[in-house]
């Protein structure tokens, strides 16, 4: 009986913690999308990311911000096979004034998730 109670209590605590993290991520994403500027960028190159058992590729993207400055960034998402090719046009989301905010608007970042967010 005590073991069953402990398992139930542990499951409840883990579930609540996951719910809190999910709400935090949802609100963070909602804030980013409400302030983000959308522009077009170009994939310049693919950078290899190596782990112990695989190689994946992250795109390096260049876009022009609102101030007319060229900005380069490396996507935080990598894949194998590569999701993008050098020279490919991509939609970029970024927050003006935030150096580390640019992201490719893709399924993994926001593409399909947008329909579920009440922005």
Protein backbone atom coordinates (compact mmCIF):
# COMPACT_ATOMS: atom_id res chain seq x y z
CA UNK A 1 0.00 0.00 0.00
CA UNK A 2 2.75 2.47 0.87
CA UNK A 3 4.55 1.67 -2.38
CA UNK A 4 1.41 2.33 -4.42
CA UNK A 5 0.89 5.65 -2.61
CA UNK A 6 4.51 6.64 -3.32
CA UNK A 7 4.13 5.77 -7.02
CA UNK A 8 0.91 7.81 -7.26
CA UNK A 9 2.46 10.77 -5.43
CA UNK A 10 5.59 10.67 -7.59
CA UNK A 11 3.47 10.52 -10.76
CA UNK A 12 1.41 13.48 -9.58
CA UNK A 13 4.51 15.58 -8.79
CA UNK A 14 6.15 14.74 -12.14
CA UNK A 15 2.89 15.50 -13.98
CA UNK A 16 2.51 18.88 -12.27
CA UNK A 17 6.15 19.75 -13.01
CA UNK A 18 5.69 18.88 -16.70
CA UNK A 19 2.51 20.97 -16.81
CA UNK A 20 4.32 23.98 -15.30
CA UNK A 21 7.18 23.66 -17.80
CA UNK A 22 4.68 23.35 -20.69
CA UNK A 23 2.81 26.48 -19.63
CA UNK A 24 6.11 28.39 -19.31
CA UNK A 25 7.18 27.31 -22.82
CA UNK A 26 3.75 28.17 -24.23
CA UNK A 27 3.82 31.68 -22.74
CA UNK A 28 7.42 32.22 -23.86
CA UNK A 29 6.55 31.18 -27.42
CA UNK A 30 3.39 33.30 -27.42
CA UNK A 31 5.38 36.38 -26.32
CA UNK A 32 8.04 35.78 -28.95
CA UNK A 33 5.49 35.38 -31.75
CA UNK A 34 3.52 38.47 -30.71
CA UNK A 35 6.64 40.67 -30.96
CA UNK A 36 8.47 38.94 -33.82
CA UNK A 37 9.14 40.56 -37.17
CA UNK A 38 8.89 38.30 -40.23
CA UNK A 39 11.37 38.61 -43.09
CA UNK A 40 13.05 36.50 -45.75
CA UNK A 41 16.51 35.05 -45.32
CA UNK A 42 18.92 32.96 -47.37
CA UNK A 43 20.70 29.79 -46.26
CA UNK A 44 24.42 30.49 -46.73
CA UNK A 45 25.86 27.14 -45.72
CA UNK A 46 25.32 24.02 -43.64
CA UNK A 47 27.43 23.47 -40.53
CA UNK A 48 28.10 19.92 -39.36
CA UNK A 49 27.18 19.05 -35.79
CA UNK A 50 28.81 15.85 -34.57
CA UNK A 51 27.74 13.71 -31.67
CA UNK A 52 29.11 10.37 -30.57
CA UNK A 53 27.03 8.42 -33.06
CA UNK A 54 25.75 10.79 -35.74
CA UNK A 55 26.31 13.86 -37.88
CA UNK A 56 23.59 16.45 -38.38
CA UNK A 57 23.52 19.75 -40.28
CA UNK A 58 22.52 23.21 -39.05
CA UNK A 59 21.79 25.99 -41.55
CA UNK A 60 23.59 29.34 -41.36
CA UNK A 61 21.09 31.99 -42.47
CA UNK A 62 21.55 35.62 -43.52
CA UNK A 63 18.78 38.22 -43.51
CA UNK A 64 18.40 42.00 -43.50
CA UNK A 65 16.87 43.44 -40.33
CA UNK A 66 14.63 46.53 -40.03
CA UNK A 67 17.70 48.78 -39.78
CA UNK A 68 19.06 47.49 -43.08
CA UNK A 69 21.91 45.56 -41.46
CA UNK A 70 22.86 42.08 -42.64
CA UNK A 71 22.51 39.55 -39.83
CA UNK A 72 23.90 36.00 -39.86
CA UNK A 73 22.79 33.29 -37.45
CA UNK A 74 23.11 29.55 -37.10
CA UNK A 75 19.87 27.69 -36.48
CA UNK A 76 19.55 25.81 -33.20
CA UNK A 77 17.83 22.94 -35.05
CA UNK A 78 19.86 20.38 -36.95
CA UNK A 79 18.89 17.34 -39.02
CA UNK A 80 20.19 14.56 -41.20
CA UNK A 81 19.43 14.65 -44.03
CA UNK A 82 19.67 18.46 -44.07
CA UNK A 83 16.33 20.28 -44.05
CA UNK A 84 17.71 23.16 -46.14
CA UNK A 85 20.12 23.73 -49.01
CA UNK A 86 22.60 26.59 -49.51
CA UNK A 87 20.88 29.37 -51.46
CA UNK A 88 17.41 28.37 -50.28
CA UNK A 89 15.05 31.16 -49.20
CA UNK A 90 13.54 30.76 -45.71
CA UNK A 91 11.16 32.79 -43.56
CA UNK A 92 12.90 34.25 -40.51
CA UNK A 93 11.31 35.46 -37.28
CA UNK A 94 13.23 37.83 -35.01
CA UNK A 95 12.69 40.42 -32.31
CA UNK A 96 14.18 43.83 -33.14
CA UNK A 97 16.99 44.69 -30.74
CA UNK A 98 17.47 41.11 -29.57
CA UNK A 99 20.72 39.70 -30.97
CA UNK A 100 19.97 36.06 -30.18
CA UNK A 101 16.35 35.97 -31.28
CA UNK A 102 16.41 35.02 -35.00
CA UNK A 103 14.82 31.70 -35.83
CA UNK A 104 13.74 29.98 -39.00
CA UNK A 105 9.97 29.76 -39.19
CA UNK A 106 9.63 26.01 -39.59
CA UNK A 107 7.49 23.23 -38.20
CA UNK A 108 10.03 22.58 -35.48
CA UNK A 109 10.10 26.20 -34.40
CA UNK A 110 6.68 27.64 -35.05
CA UNK A 111 5.22 26.72 -38.43
CA UNK A 112 2.52 24.25 -37.47
CA UNK A 113 2.51 25.16 -33.79
CA UNK A 114 1.08 28.61 -34.52
CA UNK A 115 -2.40 27.28 -35.11
CA UNK A 116 -2.52 25.97 -31.55
CA UNK A 117 -1.35 29.20 -29.93
CA UNK A 118 -3.89 31.92 -29.17
CA UNK A 119 -1.70 34.83 -30.33
